[in-house]
């Protein structure tokens, strides 16, 4: 399997290149290893002149155990061992890199995983490999697309170094539904006025509390010894309110900030505040509560946007939910593109 086959079969040639591409993926990945054993069984079938096998999860698990070892299962193997949704995410996040690799290797066909979802114990989800023709722009080396030599890994971006973000409306908490719930709205609309009032309310409240406390203490002659405690209390409340509203106040300059936890529904971990620019005025634009996310090309986890913290000060970064310290990507809210920030 280390070298392309000399049989002249486009399918065998593509399978050999596909295996070499899979081997560029980090080891100890169940998704990658499952595809390796499925590719090996498909290659054997094609060599015999048979159709590539259609395998369910127990069959793939058996092949996986034969090749990579592991203890025998104590319970019957089910679809939970290899969820179809995770396999789809894993494949989709790597589709472009796979096609570029196969094209540069000289393959005329692609190798795709086809998933036929079942509906219960007696109608299980099955997996098989199919071999559609590569697009002309990728399969034809004479096309305008620049293709790297077939001697090694190809593509403008190495595997796992890039993610493409998607955006969806986020779920607001019940505390802010009257203010920012529902669809996006213009800052200069009626809802925008209510929104600005909500954001600016903590400041006058803190000032009013400070004046009230000072007036009460000033009216009590000789009560100067009691000033520090109430003033410290008022200052603490003002600081908390100011900090909690900081993501909203930063929007005119930063355009995208991390929504505070109290503004996000309990069903979500992270969400972002976004102010879309439509003019150069400070209070112009449309506001909405959104969630940017992506599929991690390394482990198929979900990449969520978080504050960069001490590691990436002043930046928003995408952190994989399964490996948040190692699988870290940049985040561009305009291009929805991100590059791996930690070398592998």
C-alpha atoms as a PDB file:
ATOM      1  CA  UNK A   1       0.000   0.000   0.000  1.00  0.00           C
ATOM      2  CA  UNK A   2       3.039   2.288   0.100  1.00  0.00           C
ATOM      3  CA  UNK A   3       3.260   2.713  -3.671  1.00  0.00           C
ATOM      4  CA  UNK A   4       0.622   3.251  -6.345  1.00  0.00           C
ATOM      5  CA  UNK A   5      -0.549   0.108  -8.038  1.00  0.00           C
ATOM      6  CA  UNK A   6       0.729  -0.720 -11.498  1.00  0.00           C
ATOM      7  CA  UNK A   7      -2.452  -2.512 -12.525  1.00  0.00           C
ATOM      8  CA  UNK A   8      -3.764   0.487 -14.442  1.00  0.00           C
ATOM      9  CA  UNK A   9      -7.029   0.461 -12.521  1.00  0.00           C
ATOM     10  CA  UNK A  10      -8.113   4.047 -11.708  1.00  0.00           C
ATOM     11  CA  UNK A  11      -9.973   2.751  -8.642  1.00  0.00           C
ATOM     12  CA  UNK A  12      -6.955   0.931  -7.224  1.00  0.00           C
ATOM     13  CA  UNK A  13      -4.720   3.892  -7.985  1.00  0.00           C
ATOM     14  CA  UNK A  14      -7.146   6.215  -6.184  1.00  0.00           C
ATOM     15  CA  UNK A  15      -7.422   3.852  -3.202  1.00  0.00           C
ATOM     16  CA  UNK A  16      -3.638   3.718  -2.816  1.00  0.00           C
ATOM     17  CA  UNK A  17      -3.411   7.501  -2.930  1.00  0.00           C
ATOM     18  CA  UNK A  18      -6.356   7.743  -0.541  1.00  0.00           C
ATOM     19  CA  UNK A  19      -4.566   5.534   1.997  1.00  0.00           C
ATOM     20  CA  UNK A  20      -1.439   7.676   1.756  1.00  0.00           C
ATOM     21  CA  UNK A  21      -3.584  10.738   2.371  1.00  0.00           C
ATOM     22  CA  UNK A  22      -5.258   9.133   5.392  1.00  0.00           C
ATOM     23  CA  UNK A  23      -1.851   8.335   6.827  1.00  0.00           C
ATOM     24  CA  UNK A  24      -1.037  12.053   6.893  1.00  0.00           C
ATOM     25  CA  UNK A  25      -3.795  12.459   9.488  1.00  0.00           C
ATOM     26  CA  UNK A  26      -2.757  12.275  13.162  1.00  0.00           C
ATOM     27  CA  UNK A  27      -2.814   8.672  14.438  1.00  0.00           C
ATOM     28  CA  UNK A  28      -5.143   7.315  17.121  1.00  0.00           C
ATOM     29  CA  UNK A  29      -8.186   8.778  15.425  1.00  0.00           C
ATOM     30  CA  UNK A  30     -11.073   6.317  15.287  1.00  0.00           C
ATOM     31  CA  UNK A  31     -12.504   8.073  12.247  1.00  0.00           C
ATOM     32  CA  UNK A  32      -9.240   7.880  10.313  1.00  0.00           C
ATOM     33  CA  UNK A  33      -8.484   4.303  11.395  1.00  0.00           C
ATOM     34  CA  UNK A  34     -11.973   3.130  10.429  1.00  0.00           C
ATOM     35  CA  UNK A  35     -11.514   4.551   6.953  1.00  0.00           C
ATOM     36  CA  UNK A  36      -8.103   2.905   6.679  1.00  0.00           C
ATOM     37  CA  UNK A  37      -9.557  -0.562   7.306  1.00  0.00           C
ATOM     38  CA  UNK A  38     -12.514   0.142   5.019  1.00  0.00           C
ATOM     39  CA  UNK A  39     -10.110   1.242   2.269  1.00  0.00           C
ATOM     40  CA  UNK A  40      -8.013  -1.917   2.750  1.00  0.00           C
ATOM     41  CA  UNK A  41     -11.089  -4.152   2.470  1.00  0.00           C
ATOM     42  CA  UNK A  42     -12.282  -2.192  -0.577  1.00  0.00           C
ATOM     43  CA  UNK A  43      -8.895  -2.608  -2.242  1.00  0.00           C
ATOM     44  CA  UNK A  44      -8.948  -6.358  -1.664  1.00  0.00           C
ATOM     45  CA  UNK A  45     -12.448  -6.561  -3.125  1.00  0.00           C
ATOM     46  CA  UNK A  46     -11.490  -4.574  -6.231  1.00  0.00           C
ATOM     47  CA  UNK A  47      -8.433  -6.784  -6.754  1.00  0.00           C
ATOM     48  CA  UNK A  48     -10.738  -9.827  -6.712  1.00  0.00           C
ATOM     49  CA  UNK A  49     -13.032  -8.133  -9.209  1.00  0.00           C
ATOM     50  CA  UNK A  50     -15.804  -7.616  -6.646  1.00  0.00           C
ATOM     51  CA  UNK A  51     -17.692  -4.512  -5.639  1.00  0.00           C
ATOM     52  CA  UNK A  52     -16.338  -2.550  -2.654  1.00  0.00           C
ATOM     53  CA  UNK A  53     -17.906  -3.866   0.560  1.00  0.00           C
ATOM     54  CA  UNK A  54     -20.863  -2.288   2.320  1.00  0.00           C
ATOM     55  CA  UNK A  55     -20.139  -2.515   6.050  1.00  0.00           C
ATOM     56  CA  UNK A  56     -22.094  -1.724   9.176  1.00  0.00           C
ATOM     57  CA  UNK A  57     -20.517  -0.513  12.422  1.00  0.00           C
ATOM     58  CA  UNK A  58     -20.013  -3.991  13.992  1.00  0.00           C
ATOM     59  CA  UNK A  59     -18.176  -5.133  10.859  1.00  0.00           C
ATOM     60  CA  UNK A  60     -15.952  -2.042  10.794  1.00  0.00           C
ATOM     61  CA  UNK A  61     -15.279  -2.503  14.514  1.00  0.00           C
ATOM     62  CA  UNK A  62     -14.190  -6.089  13.850  1.00  0.00           C
ATOM     63  CA  UNK A  63     -11.805  -4.995  11.077  1.00  0.00           C
ATOM     64  CA  UNK A  64     -10.546  -2.179  13.281  1.00  0.00           C
ATOM     65  CA  UNK A  65      -9.815  -4.572  16.151  1.00  0.00           C
ATOM     66  CA  UNK A  66      -8.048  -7.040  13.838  1.00  0.00           C
ATOM     67  CA  UNK A  67      -5.696  -4.338  12.582  1.00  0.00           C
ATOM     68  CA  UNK A  68      -5.209  -1.997  15.537  1.00  0.00           C
ATOM     69  CA  UNK A  69      -5.901  -4.356  18.443  1.00  0.00           C
ATOM     70  CA  UNK A  70      -7.941  -3.701  21.536  1.00  0.00           C
ATOM     71  CA  UNK A  71      -9.894  -5.666  24.097  1.00  0.00           C
ATOM     72  CA  UNK A  72     -12.948  -7.632  22.965  1.00  0.00           C
ATOM     73  CA  UNK A  73     -16.190  -5.678  23.455  1.00  0.00           C
ATOM     74  CA  UNK A  74     -18.179  -6.594  26.563  1.00  0.00           C
ATOM     75  CA  UNK A  75     -21.453  -5.515  24.946  1.00  0.00           C
ATOM     76  CA  UNK A  76     -22.719  -5.742  21.363  1.00  0.00           C
ATOM     77  CA  UNK A  77     -21.178  -3.022  19.194  1.00  0.00           C
ATOM     78  CA  UNK A  78     -23.750  -0.441  18.100  1.00  0.00           C
ATOM     79  CA  UNK A  79     -23.771   2.673  15.952  1.00  0.00           C
ATOM     80  CA  UNK A  80     -22.674   4.708  18.986  1.00  0.00           C
ATOM     81  CA  UNK A  81     -19.149   3.391  18.480  1.00  0.00           C
ATOM     82  CA  UNK A  82     -18.928   5.230  15.147  1.00  0.00           C
ATOM     83  CA  UNK A  83     -21.669   7.896  14.908  1.00  0.00           C
ATOM     84  CA  UNK A  84     -22.668   8.752  11.359  1.00  0.00           C
ATOM     85  CA  UNK A  85     -22.851  12.477  12.180  1.00  0.00           C
ATOM     86  CA  UNK A  86     -19.234  12.515  13.360  1.00  0.00           C
ATOM     87  CA  UNK A  87     -18.052  10.626  10.294  1.00  0.00           C
ATOM     88  CA  UNK A  88     -19.892  13.082   8.046  1.00  0.00           C
ATOM     89  CA  UNK A  89     -18.286  16.026   9.853  1.00  0.00           C
ATOM     90  CA  UNK A  90     -14.857  14.405   9.674  1.00  0.00           C
ATOM     91  CA  UNK A  91     -15.140  13.812   5.935  1.00  0.00           C
ATOM     92  CA  UNK A  92     -16.676  17.197   5.053  1.00  0.00           C
ATOM     93  CA  UNK A  93     -13.990  19.112   6.931  1.00  0.00           C
ATOM     94  CA  UNK A  94     -11.286  17.362   4.899  1.00  0.00           C
ATOM     95  CA  UNK A  95     -12.957  17.102   1.478  1.00  0.00           C
ATOM     96  CA  UNK A  96     -10.971  19.872  -0.185  1.00  0.00           C
ATOM     97  CA  UNK A  97      -7.625  18.625   1.130  1.00  0.00           C
ATOM     98  CA  UNK A  98      -8.451  15.073   0.035  1.00  0.00           C
ATOM     99  CA  UNK A  99      -9.368  16.072  -3.509  1.00  0.00           C
ATOM    100  CA  UNK A 100      -6.241  18.189  -3.866  1.00  0.00           C
ATOM    101  CA  UNK A 101      -4.047  15.340  -2.641  1.00  0.00           C
ATOM    102  CA  UNK A 102      -5.605  12.805  -5.027  1.00  0.00           C
ATOM    103  CA  UNK A 103      -5.410  15.199  -7.971  1.00  0.00           C
ATOM    104  CA  UNK A 104      -1.751  15.956  -7.310  1.00  0.00           C
ATOM    105  CA  UNK A 105      -1.030  12.219  -7.052  1.00  0.00           C
ATOM    106  CA  UNK A 106      -2.430  11.825 -10.562  1.00  0.00           C
ATOM    107  CA  UNK A 107      -5.733  10.174  -9.719  1.00  0.00           C
ATOM    108  CA  UNK A 108      -8.652  10.720 -12.070  1.00  0.00           C
ATOM    109  CA  UNK A 109     -11.258   9.728  -9.481  1.00  0.00           C
ATOM    110  CA  UNK A 110     -12.094  10.796  -5.960  1.00  0.00           C
ATOM    111  CA  UNK A 111     -12.679   8.509  -2.977  1.00  0.00           C
ATOM    112  CA  UNK A 112     -15.732   9.451  -0.943  1.00  0.00           C
ATOM    113  CA  UNK A 113     -17.358   7.842   2.049  1.00  0.00           C
ATOM    114  CA  UNK A 114     -21.021   7.083   1.421  1.00  0.00           C
ATOM    115  CA  UNK A 115     -23.186   6.706   4.521  1.00  0.00           C
ATOM    116  CA  UNK A 116     -26.557   4.992   4.213  1.00  0.00           C
ATOM    117  CA  UNK A 117     -28.400   5.652   7.454  1.00  0.00           C
ATOM    118  CA  UNK A 118     -30.483   2.882   8.909  1.00  0.00           C
ATOM    119  CA  UNK A 119     -33.449   2.974  11.204  1.00  0.00           C
ATOM    120  CA  UNK A 120     -32.966   0.572  14.086  1.00  0.00           C
ATOM    121  CA  UNK A 121     -31.291  -2.654  15.193  1.00  0.00           C
ATOM    122  CA  UNK A 122     -32.360  -4.603  12.099  1.00  0.00           C
ATOM    123  CA  UNK A 123     -31.682  -1.758   9.656  1.00  0.00           C
ATOM    124  CA  UNK A 124     -28.282  -0.448  10.648  1.00  0.00           C
ATOM    125  CA  UNK A 125     -26.313   2.435   9.179  1.00  0.00           C
ATOM    126  CA  UNK A 126     -23.797   1.230   6.599  1.00  0.00           C
ATOM    127  CA  UNK A 127     -20.594   2.663   5.190  1.00  0.00           C
ATOM    128  CA  UNK A 128     -18.991   2.186   1.784  1.00  0.00           C
ATOM    129  CA  UNK A 129     -16.500   3.922  -0.484  1.00  0.00           C
ATOM    130  CA  UNK A 130     -17.500   5.328  -3.852  1.00  0.00           C
ATOM    131  CA  UNK A 131     -15.369   6.683  -6.656  1.00  0.00           C
ATOM    132  CA  UNK A 132     -16.775   9.718  -8.509  1.00  0.00           C
ATOM    133  CA  UNK A 133     -14.667  11.514 -11.092  1.00  0.00           C
ATOM    134  CA  UNK A 134     -12.620  14.415  -9.816  1.00  0.00           C
ATOM    135  CA  UNK A 135     -13.607  17.855 -11.134  1.00  0.00           C
ATOM    136  CA  UNK A 136     -11.674  18.828 -14.245  1.00  0.00           C
ATOM    137  CA  UNK A 137     -10.041  21.757 -12.481  1.00  0.00           C
ATOM    138  CA  UNK A 138      -8.555  19.348  -9.956  1.00  0.00           C
ATOM    139  CA  UNK A 139      -7.979  16.213 -12.011  1.00  0.00           C
ATOM    140  CA  UNK A 140      -6.395  17.928 -15.039  1.00  0.00           C
ATOM    141  CA  UNK A 141      -2.830  19.111 -14.285  1.00  0.00           C
ATOM    142  CA  UNK A 142      -2.926  21.391 -17.350  1.00  0.00           C
ATOM    143  CA  UNK A 143      -5.831  23.415 -15.970  1.00  0.00           C
ATOM    144  CA  UNK A 144      -5.414  26.851 -14.486  1.00  0.00           C
ATOM    145  CA  UNK A 145      -5.403  25.440 -10.948  1.00  0.00           C
ATOM    146  CA  UNK A 146      -1.844  25.039  -9.730  1.00  0.00           C
ATOM    147  CA  UNK A 147      -1.166  21.477  -8.584  1.00  0.00           C
ATOM    148  CA  UNK A 148       1.822  20.470  -6.503  1.00  0.00           C
ATOM    149  CA  UNK A 149       4.102  17.605  -7.561  1.00  0.00           C
ATOM    150  CA  UNK A 150       2.893  14.100  -6.822  1.00  0.00           C
ATOM    151  CA  UNK A 151       5.918  13.316  -4.643  1.00  0.00           C
ATOM    152  CA  UNK A 152       4.384  14.490  -1.365  1.00  0.00           C
ATOM    153  CA  UNK A 153       1.530  16.200   0.489  1.00  0.00           C
ATOM    154  CA  UNK A 154      -0.105  18.933  -1.524  1.00  0.00           C
ATOM    155  CA  UNK A 155      -2.417  21.882  -1.343  1.00  0.00           C
ATOM    156  CA  UNK A 156      -1.972  25.512  -0.319  1.00  0.00           C
ATOM    157  CA  UNK A 157      -2.830  24.652   3.269  1.00  0.00           C
ATOM    158  CA  UNK A 158      -1.575  21.564   5.101  1.00  0.00           C
ATOM    159  CA  UNK A 159      -4.073  19.175   6.593  1.00  0.00           C
ATOM    160  CA  UNK A 160      -5.709  20.417   9.767  1.00  0.00           C
ATOM    161  CA  UNK A 161      -4.409  23.986   9.432  1.00  0.00           C
ATOM    162  CA  UNK A 162      -7.600  25.690   8.274  1.00  0.00           C
ATOM    163  CA  UNK A 163     -11.234  25.870   9.291  1.00  0.00           C
ATOM    164  CA  UNK A 164     -14.188  27.596   7.677  1.00  0.00           C
ATOM    165  CA  UNK A 165     -16.670  29.038  10.147  1.00  0.00           C
ATOM    166  CA  UNK A 166     -20.420  29.057   9.879  1.00  0.00           C
ATOM    167  CA  UNK A 167     -22.873  31.343  11.634  1.00  0.00           C
ATOM    168  CA  UNK A 168     -26.296  30.779  13.137  1.00  0.00           C
ATOM    169  CA  UNK A 169     -28.612  32.770  15.440  1.00  0.00           C
ATOM    170  CA  UNK A 170     -27.796  32.189  19.106  1.00  0.00           C
ATOM    171  CA  UNK A 171     -30.287  31.537  21.878  1.00  0.00           C
ATOM    172  CA  UNK A 172     -30.588  34.464  24.315  1.00  0.00           C
ATOM    173  CA  UNK A 173     -31.273  33.954  28.004  1.00  0.00           C
ATOM    174  CA  UNK A 174     -34.652  34.894  29.429  1.00  0.00           C
ATOM    175  CA  UNK A 175     -33.032  37.959  31.052  1.00  0.00           C
ATOM    176  CA  UNK A 176     -32.335  39.648  27.722  1.00  0.00           C
ATOM    177  CA  UNK A 177     -35.086  38.265  25.468  1.00  0.00           C
ATOM    178  CA  UNK A 178     -37.105  41.534  25.703  1.00  0.00           C
ATOM    179  CA  UNK A 179     -34.023  43.508  24.637  1.00  0.00           C
ATOM    180  CA  UNK A 180     -32.038  41.427  22.130  1.00  0.00           C
ATOM    181  CA  UNK A 181     -34.163  38.342  21.489  1.00  0.00           C
ATOM    182  CA  UNK A 182     -35.364  37.463  18.008  1.00  0.00           C
ATOM    183  CA  UNK A 183     -33.997  38.741  14.721  1.00  0.00           C
ATOM    184  CA  UNK A 184     -31.256  41.312  14.176  1.00  0.00           C
ATOM    185  CA  UNK A 185     -32.308  44.946  14.500  1.00  0.00           C
ATOM    186  CA  UNK A 186     -30.950  48.345  13.573  1.00  0.00           C
ATOM    187  CA  UNK A 187     -29.432  50.384  16.379  1.00  0.00           C
ATOM    188  CA  UNK A 188     -31.441  53.446  15.311  1.00  0.00           C
ATOM    189  CA  UNK A 189     -34.771  51.580  15.482  1.00  0.00           C
ATOM    190  CA  UNK A 190     -37.179  51.460  18.431  1.00  0.00           C
ATOM    191  CA  UNK A 191     -35.607  48.204  19.607  1.00  0.00           C
ATOM    192  CA  UNK A 192     -32.219  49.824  19.222  1.00  0.00           C
ATOM    193  CA  UNK A 193     -33.211  52.615  21.611  1.00  0.00           C
ATOM    194  CA  UNK A 194     -34.340  50.048  24.197  1.00  0.00           C
ATOM    195  CA  UNK A 195     -31.096  48.151  23.672  1.00  0.00           C
ATOM    196  CA  UNK A 196     -28.963  51.269  24.196  1.00  0.00           C
ATOM    197  CA  UNK A 197     -30.952  52.081  27.330  1.00  0.00           C
ATOM    198  CA  UNK A 198     -30.269  48.593  28.694  1.00  0.00           C
ATOM    199  CA  UNK A 199     -26.562  48.867  27.959  1.00  0.00           C
ATOM    200  CA  UNK A 200     -26.224  52.362  29.404  1.00  0.00           C
ATOM    201  CA  UNK A 201     -28.439  51.862  32.467  1.00  0.00           C
ATOM    202  CA  UNK A 202     -25.749  50.517  34.849  1.00  0.00           C
ATOM    203  CA  UNK A 203     -23.684  53.701  34.633  1.00  0.00           C
ATOM    204  CA  UNK A 204     -26.334  56.194  35.850  1.00  0.00           C
ATOM    205  CA  UNK A 205     -27.530  53.664  38.443  1.00  0.00           C
ATOM    206  CA  UNK A 206     -24.010  53.358  39.860  1.00  0.00           C
ATOM    207  CA  UNK A 207     -23.576  57.160  39.918  1.00  0.00           C
ATOM    208  CA  UNK A 208     -26.963  57.612  41.601  1.00  0.00           C
ATOM    209  CA  UNK A 209     -26.085  55.037  44.258  1.00  0.00           C
ATOM    210  CA  UNK A 210     -22.763  56.740  44.900  1.00  0.00           C
ATOM    211  CA  UNK A 211     -24.414  60.162  45.323  1.00  0.00           C
ATOM    212  CA  UNK A 212     -27.124  58.720  47.563  1.00  0.00           C
ATOM    213  CA  UNK A 213     -24.585  56.981  49.784  1.00  0.00           C
ATOM    214  CA  UNK A 214     -22.465  60.124  50.039  1.00  0.00           C
ATOM    215  CA  UNK A 215     -25.489  62.276  50.886  1.00  0.00           C
ATOM    216  CA  UNK A 216     -26.686  59.898  53.610  1.00  0.00           C
ATOM    217  CA  UNK A 217     -23.252  59.669  55.215  1.00  0.00           C
ATOM    218  CA  UNK A 218     -22.676  63.430  54.908  1.00  0.00           C
ATOM    219  CA  UNK A 219     -25.949  64.141  56.667  1.00  0.00           C
ATOM    220  CA  UNK A 220     -24.803  62.168  59.710  1.00  0.00           C
ATOM    221  CA  UNK A 221     -22.362  64.343  61.602  1.00  0.00           C
ATOM    222  CA  UNK A 222     -19.333  62.518  62.939  1.00  0.00           C
ATOM    223  CA  UNK A 223     -20.064  59.376  60.936  1.00  0.00           C
ATOM    224  CA  UNK A 224     -16.921  59.540  58.821  1.00  0.00           C
ATOM    225  CA  UNK A 225     -15.682  56.262  60.271  1.00  0.00           C
ATOM    226  CA  UNK A 226     -18.592  54.491  58.568  1.00  0.00           C
ATOM    227  CA  UNK A 227     -17.816  55.780  55.051  1.00  0.00           C
ATOM    228  CA  UNK A 228     -15.336  53.177  53.757  1.00  0.00           C
ATOM    229  CA  UNK A 229     -17.621  50.131  53.907  1.00  0.00           C
ATOM    230  CA  UNK A 230     -20.675  51.531  52.040  1.00  0.00           C
ATOM    231  CA  UNK A 231     -18.526  53.350  49.503  1.00  0.00           C
ATOM    232  CA  UNK A 232     -16.538  50.171  48.853  1.00  0.00           C
ATOM    233  CA  UNK A 233     -19.804  48.300  48.402  1.00  0.00           C
ATOM    234  CA  UNK A 234     -21.092  50.856  45.876  1.00  0.00           C
ATOM    235  CA  UNK A 235     -17.756  50.839  44.035  1.00  0.00           C
ATOM    236  CA  UNK A 236     -17.801  47.031  43.841  1.00  0.00           C
ATOM    237  CA  UNK A 237     -21.345  46.967  42.437  1.00  0.00           C
ATOM    238  CA  UNK A 238     -20.422  49.652  39.907  1.00  0.00           C
ATOM    239  CA  UNK A 239     -17.314  47.709  38.836  1.00  0.00           C
ATOM    240  CA  UNK A 240     -19.309  44.492  38.394  1.00  0.00           C
ATOM    241  CA  UNK A 241     -21.973  46.231  36.328  1.00  0.00           C
ATOM    242  CA  UNK A 242     -19.370  48.011  34.228  1.00  0.00           C
ATOM    243  CA  UNK A 243     -17.430  44.799  33.544  1.00  0.00           C
ATOM    244  CA  UNK A 244     -20.568  42.819  32.714  1.00  0.00           C
ATOM    245  CA  UNK A 245     -21.531  45.381  30.079  1.00  0.00           C
ATOM    246  CA  UNK A 246     -18.019  45.692  28.650  1.00  0.00           C
ATOM    247  CA  UNK A 247     -18.702  43.375  25.636  1.00  0.00           C
ATOM    248  CA  UNK A 248     -21.610  45.640  24.608  1.00  0.00           C
ATOM    249  CA  UNK A 249     -19.613  48.850  24.983  1.00  0.00           C
ATOM    250  CA  UNK A 250     -16.769  47.422  22.879  1.00  0.00           C
ATOM    251  CA  UNK A 251     -19.021  46.655  19.919  1.00  0.00           C
ATOM    252  CA  UNK A 252     -18.717  50.029  18.102  1.00  0.00           C
ATOM    253  CA  UNK A 253     -14.947  49.523  17.877  1.00  0.00           C
ATOM    254  CA  UNK A 254     -14.507  45.735  17.701  1.00  0.00           C
ATOM    255  CA  UNK A 255     -17.760  44.780  15.886  1.00  0.00           C
ATOM    256  CA  UNK A 256     -17.690  41.217  17.301  1.00  0.00           C
ATOM    257  CA  UNK A 257     -17.322  40.404  20.997  1.00  0.00           C
ATOM    258  CA  UNK A 258     -17.996  37.427  23.251  1.00  0.00           C
ATOM    259  CA  UNK A 259     -21.490  37.554  24.735  1.00  0.00           C
ATOM    260  CA  UNK A 260     -21.520  37.410  28.556  1.00  0.00           C
ATOM    261  CA  UNK A 261     -22.797  34.163  30.055  1.00  0.00           C
ATOM    262  CA  UNK A 262     -25.871  35.819  31.553  1.00  0.00           C
ATOM    263  CA  UNK A 263     -26.993  36.842  28.049  1.00  0.00           C
ATOM    264  CA  UNK A 264     -26.730  33.346  26.537  1.00  0.00           C
ATOM    265  CA  UNK A 265     -29.352  30.637  26.870  1.00  0.00           C
ATOM    266  CA  UNK A 266     -28.598  27.628  29.046  1.00  0.00           C
ATOM    267  CA  UNK A 267     -28.568  25.348  25.982  1.00  0.00           C
ATOM    268  CA  UNK A 268     -25.394  26.998  24.586  1.00  0.00           C
ATOM    269  CA  UNK A 269     -21.886  27.498  25.930  1.00  0.00           C
ATOM    270  CA  UNK A 270     -20.747  30.381  23.740  1.00  0.00           C
ATOM    271  CA  UNK A 271     -22.297  33.114  21.629  1.00  0.00           C
ATOM    272  CA  UNK A 272     -21.097  36.367  20.121  1.00  0.00           C
ATOM    273  CA  UNK A 273     -22.433  39.897  19.926  1.00  0.00           C
ATOM    274  CA  UNK A 274     -22.162  41.333  16.426  1.00  0.00           C
ATOM    275  CA  UNK A 275     -22.641  44.883  15.173  1.00  0.00           C
ATOM    276  CA  UNK A 276     -22.683  44.956  11.378  1.00  0.00           C
ATOM    277  CA  UNK A 277     -21.372  48.245  10.018  1.00  0.00           C
ATOM    278  CA  UNK A 278     -23.520  50.161   7.538  1.00  0.00           C
ATOM    279  CA  UNK A 279     -21.952  53.607   8.055  1.00  0.00           C
ATOM    280  CA  UNK A 280     -19.073  55.256   9.876  1.00  0.00           C
ATOM    281  CA  UNK A 281     -21.168  56.546  12.768  1.00  0.00           C
ATOM    282  CA  UNK A 282     -20.543  55.181  16.243  1.00  0.00           C
ATOM    283  CA  UNK A 283     -24.134  54.097  16.782  1.00  0.00           C
ATOM    284  CA  UNK A 284     -24.792  52.872  13.258  1.00  0.00           C
ATOM    285  CA  UNK A 285     -25.289  49.295  12.117  1.00  0.00           C
ATOM    286  CA  UNK A 286     -27.374  46.235  12.902  1.00  0.00           C
ATOM    287  CA  UNK A 287     -27.049  44.247  16.109  1.00  0.00           C
ATOM    288  CA  UNK A 288     -27.599  40.541  16.533  1.00  0.00           C
ATOM    289  CA  UNK A 289     -26.716  37.702  18.875  1.00  0.00           C
ATOM    290  CA  UNK A 290     -25.034  34.946  16.866  1.00  0.00           C
ATOM    291  CA  UNK A 291     -22.926  31.835  17.226  1.00  0.00           C
ATOM    292  CA  UNK A 292     -19.900  31.246  15.011  1.00  0.00           C
ATOM    293  CA  UNK A 293     -18.711  27.641  14.878  1.00  0.00           C
ATOM    294  CA  UNK A 294     -16.776  25.181  12.730  1.00  0.00           C
ATOM    295  CA  UNK A 295     -15.845  21.515  12.550  1.00  0.00           C
ATOM    296  CA  UNK A 296     -12.351  20.719  13.791  1.00  0.00           C
ATOM    297  CA  UNK A 297     -10.432  19.110  10.900  1.00  0.00           C
ATOM    298  CA  UNK A 298      -8.172  17.275  13.347  1.00  0.00           C
ATOM    299  CA  UNK A 299     -10.651  15.482  15.583  1.00  0.00           C
ATOM    300  CA  UNK A 300     -14.119  16.396  14.186  1.00  0.00           C
ATOM    301  CA  UNK A 301     -15.029  18.274  17.370  1.00  0.00           C
ATOM    302  CA  UNK A 302     -16.877  21.589  17.405  1.00  0.00           C
ATOM    303  CA  UNK A 303     -14.748  24.741  17.230  1.00  0.00           C
ATOM    304  CA  UNK A 304     -16.291  27.502  19.364  1.00  0.00           C
ATOM    305  CA  UNK A 305     -15.247  31.158  19.428  1.00  0.00           C
ATOM    306  CA  UNK A 306     -13.774  32.291  22.748  1.00  0.00           C
ATOM    307  CA  UNK A 307     -11.676  35.129  24.127  1.00  0.00           C
ATOM    308  CA  UNK A 308      -7.981  34.618  23.458  1.00  0.00           C
ATOM    309  CA  UNK A 309      -7.052  35.226  27.101  1.00  0.00           C
ATOM    310  CA  UNK A 310      -3.384  35.396  28.062  1.00  0.00           C
ATOM    311  CA  UNK A 311      -2.259  33.099  25.261  1.00  0.00           C
ATOM    312  CA  UNK A 312      -3.759  35.276  22.503  1.00  0.00           C
ATOM    313  CA  UNK A 313      -4.399  38.691  24.090  1.00  0.00           C
ATOM    314  CA  UNK A 314      -6.784  41.000  22.290  1.00  0.00           C
ATOM    315  CA  UNK A 315      -7.976  38.276  19.909  1.00  0.00           C
ATOM    316  CA  UNK A 316     -10.965  36.020  19.477  1.00  0.00           C
ATOM    317  CA  UNK A 317      -9.914  32.460  18.714  1.00  0.00           C
ATOM    318  CA  UNK A 318     -11.634  29.209  17.819  1.00  0.00           C
ATOM    319  CA  UNK A 319     -11.069  26.449  20.368  1.00  0.00           C
ATOM    320  CA  UNK A 320     -12.040  22.831  19.746  1.00  0.00           C
ATOM    321  CA  UNK A 321     -14.455  21.523  22.373  1.00  0.00           C
ATOM    322  CA  UNK A 322     -12.529  18.225  22.526  1.00  0.00           C
ATOM    323  CA  UNK A 323      -9.012  19.699  22.726  1.00  0.00           C
ATOM    324  CA  UNK A 324      -9.319  23.405  23.585  1.00  0.00           C
ATOM    325  CA  UNK A 325      -5.634  23.887  24.448  1.00  0.00           C
ATOM    326  CA  UNK A 326      -4.118  22.311  21.330  1.00  0.00           C
ATOM    327  CA  UNK A 327      -6.657  22.672  18.508  1.00  0.00           C
ATOM    328  CA  UNK A 328      -6.780  26.472  18.423  1.00  0.00           C
ATOM    329  CA  UNK A 329      -7.578  28.478  15.290  1.00  0.00           C
ATOM    330  CA  UNK A 330      -7.670  32.120  14.341  1.00  0.00           C
ATOM    331  CA  UNK A 331     -10.977  33.793  13.626  1.00  0.00           C
ATOM    332  CA  UNK A 332     -11.803  36.339  10.931  1.00  0.00           C
ATOM    333  CA  UNK A 333     -15.413  37.474  11.236  1.00  0.00           C
ATOM    334  CA  UNK A 334     -15.395  38.902   7.700  1.00  0.00           C
ATOM    335  CA  UNK A 335     -13.939  36.008   5.687  1.00  0.00           C
ATOM    336  CA  UNK A 336     -15.099  33.338   8.186  1.00  0.00           C
ATOM    337  CA  UNK A 337     -11.671  31.754   7.861  1.00  0.00           C
ATOM    338  CA  UNK A 338      -9.275  30.515  10.535  1.00  0.00           C
ATOM    339  CA  UNK A 339      -5.741  29.093  10.523  1.00  0.00           C
ATOM    340  CA  UNK A 340      -4.185  26.779  13.111  1.00  0.00           C
ATOM    341  CA  UNK A 341      -2.351  28.859  15.709  1.00  0.00           C
ATOM    342  CA  UNK A 342      -0.442  26.045  17.416  1.00  0.00           C
ATOM    343  CA  UNK A 343       2.095  24.139  15.314  1.00  0.00           C
ATOM    344  CA  UNK A 344       1.846  20.368  15.122  1.00  0.00           C
END
